[in-house]
Structure formats: C-alpha cells, structure tokens
Amino acid sequence: MKLFSPLFLLLLLSVNAYADTNKEIDHLLTYVATTDCSYERNGTMHTGKEAVAHIKKKYDYYADDVESTEDFIQYSATKSKLSGKHYIIHCKHQAAVKSSEWLLLELARFRRQGQ
C-alpha cells in the first residue's frame, strides 16, 4: 500500500487543483458576464455577456493548453489571435485597462477571499 500512497496523494492534489482552477474560471466568467464595464475587442465594444460568449468559444478551442486560471486568461481573454490587439476594459470613471490586467486583479481578489 505504501507504493500507491504517493501516487494517490499526487492524484488527489491534481484533482483539487483542477477543481480550484474550474472554480476560478467559472468565477471570472461570471465576473465578466455581470460587469457594467464594456469589453473592447478589435475596436468594437461588447457587453459582458457578449464577451463571455466569445471567451467561452476561445476557451473551448484552447482547452487542451489550459492548465491554470492564468493560462485561461492568457489564451481565452487577453487579445485577438488574428489582429494581435489586446482586449480593453472600459469602466465608468476609470482609466481603460487591458483585460488581462483586469482579470488578474479580480483573480487575486478572489483568491485572497479564499474563494
């Protein structure tokens, strides 16, 4: 049984990390969907719900490359793969910011709260 204990522990840790990543990604998708901010993609403004629909499509495409929530942000919610332009978040009374920065700040806040 001792031979399997480290393997079992590794598997358990992997499952927990996967669950945490999914929880974080779900949180970020909800955060984007419910925002009052506008999501600029290639010069066109979108609502949070529209942005989530696009992000989910990209996530489905890059799912095999996503091993962390940071990967999710990088592959699915940072910039256009065609034009190379960064997605920009426009919130009232705030300076516009790259979506990656906006999402990483929210991810850090979410983690500090202990999910």
N, C-alpha and C. Protein backbone atom coordinates (compact mmCIF):
# COMPACT_ATOMS: atom_id res chain seq x y z
N MET A 1 0.82 -1.20 0.00
CA MET A 1 0.00 0.00 0.00
C MET A 1 0.86 1.26 0.00
N LYS A 2 2.01 1.22 0.61
CA LYS A 2 2.88 2.39 0.65
C LYS A 2 3.30 2.81 -0.75
N LEU A 3 3.43 1.89 -1.67
CA LEU A 3 3.81 2.19 -3.03
C LEU A 3 2.77 3.07 -3.71
N PHE A 4 1.51 2.88 -3.38
CA PHE A 4 0.44 3.63 -4.01
C PHE A 4 0.12 4.94 -3.28
N SER A 5 0.55 5.10 -2.07
CA SER A 5 0.22 6.30 -1.30
C SER A 5 0.71 7.59 -1.96
N PRO A 6 1.97 7.69 -2.38
CA PRO A 6 2.41 8.92 -3.05
C PRO A 6 1.66 9.16 -4.36
N LEU A 7 1.38 8.10 -5.09
CA LEU A 7 0.64 8.24 -6.34
C LEU A 7 -0.79 8.71 -6.06
N PHE A 8 -1.40 8.14 -5.05
CA PHE A 8 -2.75 8.54 -4.67
C PHE A 8 -2.77 10.00 -4.22
N LEU A 9 -1.79 10.40 -3.45
CA LEU A 9 -1.69 11.79 -2.99
C LEU A 9 -1.52 12.74 -4.17
N LEU A 10 -0.68 12.37 -5.11
CA LEU A 10 -0.48 13.19 -6.30
C LEU A 10 -1.77 13.32 -7.10
N LEU A 11 -2.48 12.22 -7.25
CA LEU A 11 -3.75 12.24 -7.95
C LEU A 11 -4.76 13.12 -7.23
N LEU A 12 -4.82 13.01 -5.92
CA LEU A 12 -5.73 13.82 -5.12
C LEU A 12 -5.40 15.30 -5.26
N LEU A 13 -4.12 15.65 -5.21
CA LEU A 13 -3.72 17.04 -5.38
C LEU A 13 -4.07 17.56 -6.77
N SER A 14 -3.89 16.73 -7.78
CA SER A 14 -4.23 17.11 -9.15
C SER A 14 -5.72 17.38 -9.29
N VAL A 15 -6.52 16.53 -8.70
CA VAL A 15 -7.98 16.70 -8.75
C VAL A 15 -8.37 18.00 -8.04
N ASN A 16 -7.77 18.27 -6.89
CA ASN A 16 -8.07 19.50 -6.15
C ASN A 16 -7.65 20.74 -6.94
N ALA A 17 -6.49 20.69 -7.57
CA ALA A 17 -6.02 21.83 -8.37
C ALA A 17 -6.94 22.06 -9.55
N TYR A 18 -7.38 20.96 -10.18
CA TYR A 18 -8.31 21.06 -11.31
C TYR A 18 -9.63 21.68 -10.85
N ALA A 19 -10.12 21.25 -9.70
CA ALA A 19 -11.38 21.79 -9.17
C ALA A 19 -11.24 23.27 -8.85
N ASP A 20 -10.10 23.66 -8.24
CA ASP A 20 -9.86 25.07 -7.94
C ASP A 20 -9.79 25.91 -9.21
N THR A 21 -9.10 25.40 -10.23
CA THR A 21 -8.99 26.12 -11.50
C THR A 21 -10.37 26.30 -12.12
N ASN A 22 -11.17 25.26 -12.13
CA ASN A 22 -12.52 25.37 -12.69
C ASN A 22 -13.36 26.37 -11.91
N LYS A 23 -13.23 26.36 -10.61
CA LYS A 23 -13.96 27.30 -9.76
C LYS A 23 -13.55 28.73 -10.07
N GLU A 24 -12.25 28.95 -10.23
CA GLU A 24 -11.75 30.29 -10.55
C GLU A 24 -12.20 30.75 -11.93
N ILE A 25 -12.14 29.85 -12.90
CA ILE A 25 -12.57 30.20 -14.26
C ILE A 25 -14.06 30.52 -14.27
N ASP A 26 -14.85 29.71 -13.59
CA ASP A 26 -16.28 29.98 -13.51
C ASP A 26 -16.54 31.35 -12.87
N HIS A 27 -15.78 31.65 -11.84
CA HIS A 27 -15.93 32.96 -11.18
C HIS A 27 -15.61 34.09 -12.16
N LEU A 28 -14.51 33.96 -12.89
CA LEU A 28 -14.13 35.02 -13.84
C LEU A 28 -15.17 35.17 -14.95
N LEU A 29 -15.71 34.08 -15.43
CA LEU A 29 -16.75 34.17 -16.45
C LEU A 29 -17.98 34.89 -15.92
N THR A 30 -18.36 34.60 -14.70
CA THR A 30 -19.49 35.29 -14.07
C THR A 30 -19.15 36.77 -13.86
N TYR A 31 -17.94 37.05 -13.45
CA TYR A 31 -17.48 38.43 -13.24
C TYR A 31 -17.60 39.23 -14.53
N VAL A 32 -17.15 38.66 -15.64
CA VAL A 32 -17.24 39.34 -16.93
C VAL A 32 -18.70 39.49 -17.35
N ALA A 33 -19.48 38.44 -17.21
CA ALA A 33 -20.88 38.46 -17.66
C ALA A 33 -21.71 39.49 -16.92
N THR A 34 -21.38 39.75 -15.67
CA THR A 34 -22.20 40.65 -14.84
C THR A 34 -21.62 42.05 -14.71
N THR A 35 -20.53 42.33 -15.37
CA THR A 35 -19.92 43.65 -15.24
C THR A 35 -20.74 44.72 -15.95
N ASP A 36 -20.65 45.93 -15.44
CA ASP A 36 -21.24 47.10 -16.11
C ASP A 36 -20.23 47.71 -17.07
N CYS A 37 -19.02 47.21 -17.07
CA CYS A 37 -17.96 47.72 -17.94
C CYS A 37 -18.17 47.20 -19.36
N SER A 38 -17.56 47.89 -20.31
CA SER A 38 -17.61 47.45 -21.71
C SER A 38 -16.31 46.74 -22.05
N TYR A 39 -16.42 45.74 -22.87
CA TYR A 39 -15.30 44.90 -23.28
C TYR A 39 -14.99 45.24 -24.73
N GLU A 40 -13.86 45.87 -24.99
CA GLU A 40 -13.49 46.25 -26.35
C GLU A 40 -12.66 45.15 -26.99
N ARG A 41 -13.15 44.70 -28.13
CA ARG A 41 -12.44 43.66 -28.87
C ARG A 41 -12.29 44.13 -30.32
N ASN A 42 -11.05 44.33 -30.75
CA ASN A 42 -10.76 44.78 -32.12
C ASN A 42 -11.52 46.05 -32.48
N GLY A 43 -11.58 46.99 -31.53
CA GLY A 43 -12.20 48.28 -31.78
C GLY A 43 -13.71 48.32 -31.63
N THR A 44 -14.34 47.19 -31.31
CA THR A 44 -15.79 47.14 -31.15
C THR A 44 -16.12 46.88 -29.69
N MET A 45 -17.08 47.63 -29.16
CA MET A 45 -17.48 47.48 -27.76
C MET A 45 -18.51 46.35 -27.63
N HIS A 46 -18.38 45.61 -26.53
CA HIS A 46 -19.28 44.49 -26.26
C HIS A 46 -19.70 44.53 -24.80
N THR A 47 -20.88 43.99 -24.53
CA THR A 47 -21.32 43.83 -23.14
C THR A 47 -20.54 42.67 -22.53
N GLY A 48 -20.66 42.55 -21.22
CA GLY A 48 -20.03 41.42 -20.54
C GLY A 48 -20.55 40.09 -21.04
N LYS A 49 -21.85 40.00 -21.26
CA LYS A 49 -22.44 38.73 -21.74
C LYS A 49 -21.91 38.39 -23.13
N GLU A 50 -21.78 39.38 -23.99
CA GLU A 50 -21.21 39.14 -25.32
C GLU A 50 -19.76 38.70 -25.22
N ALA A 51 -19.03 39.35 -24.32
CA ALA A 51 -17.63 39.00 -24.13
C ALA A 51 -17.48 37.55 -23.65
N VAL A 52 -18.34 37.13 -22.73
CA VAL A 52 -18.28 35.77 -22.22
C VAL A 52 -18.53 34.75 -23.33
N ALA A 53 -19.47 35.04 -24.20
CA ALA A 53 -19.74 34.12 -25.31
C ALA A 53 -18.48 33.93 -26.16
N HIS A 54 -17.77 35.01 -26.43
CA HIS A 54 -16.53 34.94 -27.21
C HIS A 54 -15.43 34.22 -26.43
N ILE A 55 -15.29 34.55 -25.17
CA ILE A 55 -14.26 33.94 -24.32
C ILE A 55 -14.48 32.42 -24.23
N LYS A 56 -15.73 32.01 -24.09
CA LYS A 56 -16.03 30.58 -24.00
C LYS A 56 -15.65 29.85 -25.29
N LYS A 57 -15.89 30.48 -26.43
CA LYS A 57 -15.50 29.87 -27.71
C LYS A 57 -13.99 29.66 -27.75
N LYS A 58 -13.25 30.68 -27.34
CA LYS A 58 -11.79 30.57 -27.34
C LYS A 58 -11.32 29.54 -26.32
N TYR A 59 -11.98 29.50 -25.18
CA TYR A 59 -11.62 28.53 -24.15
C TYR A 59 -11.83 27.11 -24.66
N ASP A 60 -12.94 26.88 -25.33
CA ASP A 60 -13.19 25.55 -25.90
C ASP A 60 -12.08 25.17 -26.88
N TYR A 61 -11.64 26.13 -27.67
CA TYR A 61 -10.60 25.88 -28.67
C TYR A 61 -9.25 25.58 -28.01
N TYR A 62 -8.93 26.32 -26.95
CA TYR A 62 -7.61 26.19 -26.31
C TYR A 62 -7.63 25.33 -25.04
N ALA A 63 -8.72 24.64 -24.78
CA ALA A 63 -8.87 23.90 -23.52
C ALA A 63 -7.70 22.96 -23.22
N ASP A 64 -7.15 22.33 -24.23
CA ASP A 64 -6.04 21.40 -24.01
C ASP A 64 -4.76 22.11 -23.55
N ASP A 65 -4.66 23.41 -23.81
CA ASP A 65 -3.47 24.17 -23.42
C ASP A 65 -3.62 24.82 -22.04
N VAL A 66 -4.83 24.81 -21.51
CA VAL A 66 -5.11 25.49 -20.25
C VAL A 66 -4.86 24.56 -19.07
N GLU A 67 -3.84 24.90 -18.28
CA GLU A 67 -3.52 24.12 -17.09
C GLU A 67 -3.73 24.92 -15.81
N SER A 68 -3.99 26.21 -15.95
CA SER A 68 -4.20 27.07 -14.78
C SER A 68 -5.17 28.19 -15.16
N THR A 69 -5.62 28.90 -14.17
CA THR A 69 -6.52 30.03 -14.44
C THR A 69 -5.77 31.11 -15.21
N GLU A 70 -4.50 31.27 -14.92
CA GLU A 70 -3.69 32.25 -15.67
C GLU A 70 -3.60 31.86 -17.14
N ASP A 71 -3.47 30.57 -17.41
CA ASP A 71 -3.49 30.10 -18.81
C ASP A 71 -4.82 30.44 -19.47
N PHE A 72 -5.90 30.22 -18.75
CA PHE A 72 -7.22 30.55 -19.27
C PHE A 72 -7.28 32.02 -19.69
N ILE A 73 -6.79 32.89 -18.83
CA ILE A 73 -6.79 34.33 -19.14
C ILE A 73 -5.93 34.59 -20.37
N GLN A 74 -4.74 34.03 -20.39
CA GLN A 74 -3.82 34.26 -21.50
C GLN A 74 -4.39 33.78 -22.83
N TYR A 75 -4.92 32.59 -22.86
CA TYR A 75 -5.38 32.01 -24.12
C TYR A 75 -6.76 32.49 -24.55
N SER A 76 -7.63 32.75 -23.59
CA SER A 76 -9.03 32.99 -23.92
C SER A 76 -9.51 34.42 -23.77
N ALA A 77 -8.81 35.24 -22.99
CA ALA A 77 -9.39 36.54 -22.64
C ALA A 77 -8.41 37.70 -22.68
N THR A 78 -7.32 37.57 -23.41
CA THR A 78 -6.30 38.62 -23.41
C THR A 78 -6.26 39.44 -24.68
N LYS A 79 -6.20 38.77 -25.81
CA LYS A 79 -6.09 39.51 -27.07
C LYS A 79 -6.55 38.67 -28.24
N SER A 80 -6.77 39.37 -29.34
CA SER A 80 -7.18 38.70 -30.57
C SER A 80 -6.00 37.94 -31.15
N LYS A 81 -6.20 36.69 -31.46
CA LYS A 81 -5.14 35.91 -32.09
C LYS A 81 -4.93 36.33 -33.54
N LEU A 82 -5.97 36.88 -34.16
CA LEU A 82 -5.86 37.32 -35.56
C LEU A 82 -5.17 38.67 -35.69
N SER A 83 -5.66 39.66 -34.95
CA SER A 83 -5.10 41.01 -35.09
C SER A 83 -3.95 41.28 -34.12
N GLY A 84 -3.89 40.53 -33.03
CA GLY A 84 -2.88 40.76 -32.01
C GLY A 84 -3.23 41.90 -31.07
N LYS A 85 -4.39 42.53 -31.27
CA LYS A 85 -4.81 43.64 -30.41
C LYS A 85 -5.33 43.11 -29.07
N HIS A 86 -4.90 43.79 -28.01
CA HIS A 86 -5.37 43.42 -26.68
C HIS A 86 -6.82 43.82 -26.50
N TYR A 87 -7.55 43.00 -25.75
CA TYR A 87 -8.90 43.36 -25.35
C TYR A 87 -8.77 44.42 -24.25
N ILE A 88 -9.63 45.41 -24.31
CA ILE A 88 -9.57 46.53 -23.36
C ILE A 88 -10.89 46.62 -22.60
N ILE A 89 -10.79 46.88 -21.30
CA ILE A 89 -11.97 47.03 -20.46
C ILE A 89 -12.18 48.52 -20.19
N HIS A 90 -13.40 48.98 -20.43
CA HIS A 90 -13.78 50.37 -20.20
C HIS A 90 -14.85 50.41 -19.12
N CYS A 91 -14.48 50.96 -17.96
CA CYS A 91 -15.41 51.10 -16.85
C CYS A 91 -15.61 52.60 -16.59
N LYS A 92 -16.83 52.96 -16.20
CA LYS A 92 -17.13 54.36 -15.92
C LYS A 92 -16.20 54.90 -14.84
N HIS A 93 -15.73 56.12 -15.05
CA HIS A 93 -14.91 56.85 -14.08
C HIS A 93 -13.57 56.16 -13.77
N GLN A 94 -13.10 55.33 -14.69
CA GLN A 94 -11.80 54.67 -14.52
C GLN A 94 -11.07 54.67 -15.85
N ALA A 95 -9.77 54.64 -15.76
CA ALA A 95 -8.97 54.54 -16.98
C ALA A 95 -9.17 53.16 -17.61
N ALA A 96 -9.16 53.12 -18.93
CA ALA A 96 -9.26 51.84 -19.63
C ALA A 96 -8.05 50.99 -19.28
N VAL A 97 -8.25 49.67 -19.25
CA VAL A 97 -7.19 48.75 -18.85
C VAL A 97 -7.28 47.49 -19.72
N LYS A 98 -6.14 46.86 -19.93
CA LYS A 98 -6.13 45.60 -20.67
C LYS A 98 -6.93 44.56 -19.89
N SER A 99 -7.65 43.73 -20.62
CA SER A 99 -8.49 42.72 -19.98
C SER A 99 -7.66 41.77 -19.11
N SER A 100 -6.46 41.45 -19.55
CA SER A 100 -5.63 40.54 -18.75
C SER A 100 -5.34 41.13 -17.37
N GLU A 101 -5.03 42.42 -17.31
CA GLU A 101 -4.77 43.07 -16.02
C GLU A 101 -6.03 43.08 -15.15
N TRP A 102 -7.15 43.40 -15.77
CA TRP A 102 -8.44 43.47 -15.08
C TRP A 102 -8.81 42.11 -14.49
N LEU A 103 -8.63 41.06 -15.28
CA LEU A 103 -8.97 39.72 -14.82
C LEU A 103 -7.99 39.20 -13.79
N LEU A 104 -6.71 39.49 -13.95
CA LEU A 104 -5.72 39.05 -12.96
C LEU A 104 -5.95 39.73 -11.61
N LEU A 105 -6.37 41.00 -11.63
CA LEU A 105 -6.70 41.70 -10.38
C LEU A 105 -7.90 41.03 -9.70
N GLU A 106 -8.91 40.69 -10.48
CA GLU A 106 -10.08 40.02 -9.91
C GLU A 106 -9.72 38.63 -9.41
N LEU A 107 -8.88 37.92 -10.12
CA LEU A 107 -8.44 36.60 -9.69
C LEU A 107 -7.70 36.70 -8.36
N ALA A 108 -6.82 37.68 -8.23
CA ALA A 108 -6.08 37.87 -6.97
C ALA A 108 -7.04 38.18 -5.82
N ARG A 109 -8.04 39.03 -6.08
CA ARG A 109 -9.03 39.37 -5.07
C ARG A 109 -9.82 38.11 -4.65
N PHE A 110 -10.23 37.33 -5.63
CA PHE A 110 -10.97 36.10 -5.39
C PHE A 110 -10.15 35.13 -4.54
N ARG A 111 -8.89 34.98 -4.86
CA ARG A 111 -8.02 34.07 -4.10
C ARG A 111 -7.81 34.57 -2.68
N ARG A 112 -7.65 35.89 -2.51
CA ARG A 112 -7.47 36.45 -1.16
C ARG A 112 -8.68 36.18 -0.30
N GLN A 113 -9.86 36.18 -0.89
CA GLN A 113 -11.08 35.93 -0.14
C GLN A 113 -11.27 34.46 0.20
N GLY A 114 -10.38 33.65 -0.30
CA GLY A 114 -10.44 32.22 -0.01
C GLY A 114 -11.51 31.49 -0.79
N GLN A 115 -11.94 32.11 -1.89
CA GLN A 115 -12.94 31.52 -2.77
C GLN A 115 -14.18 31.26 -1.98
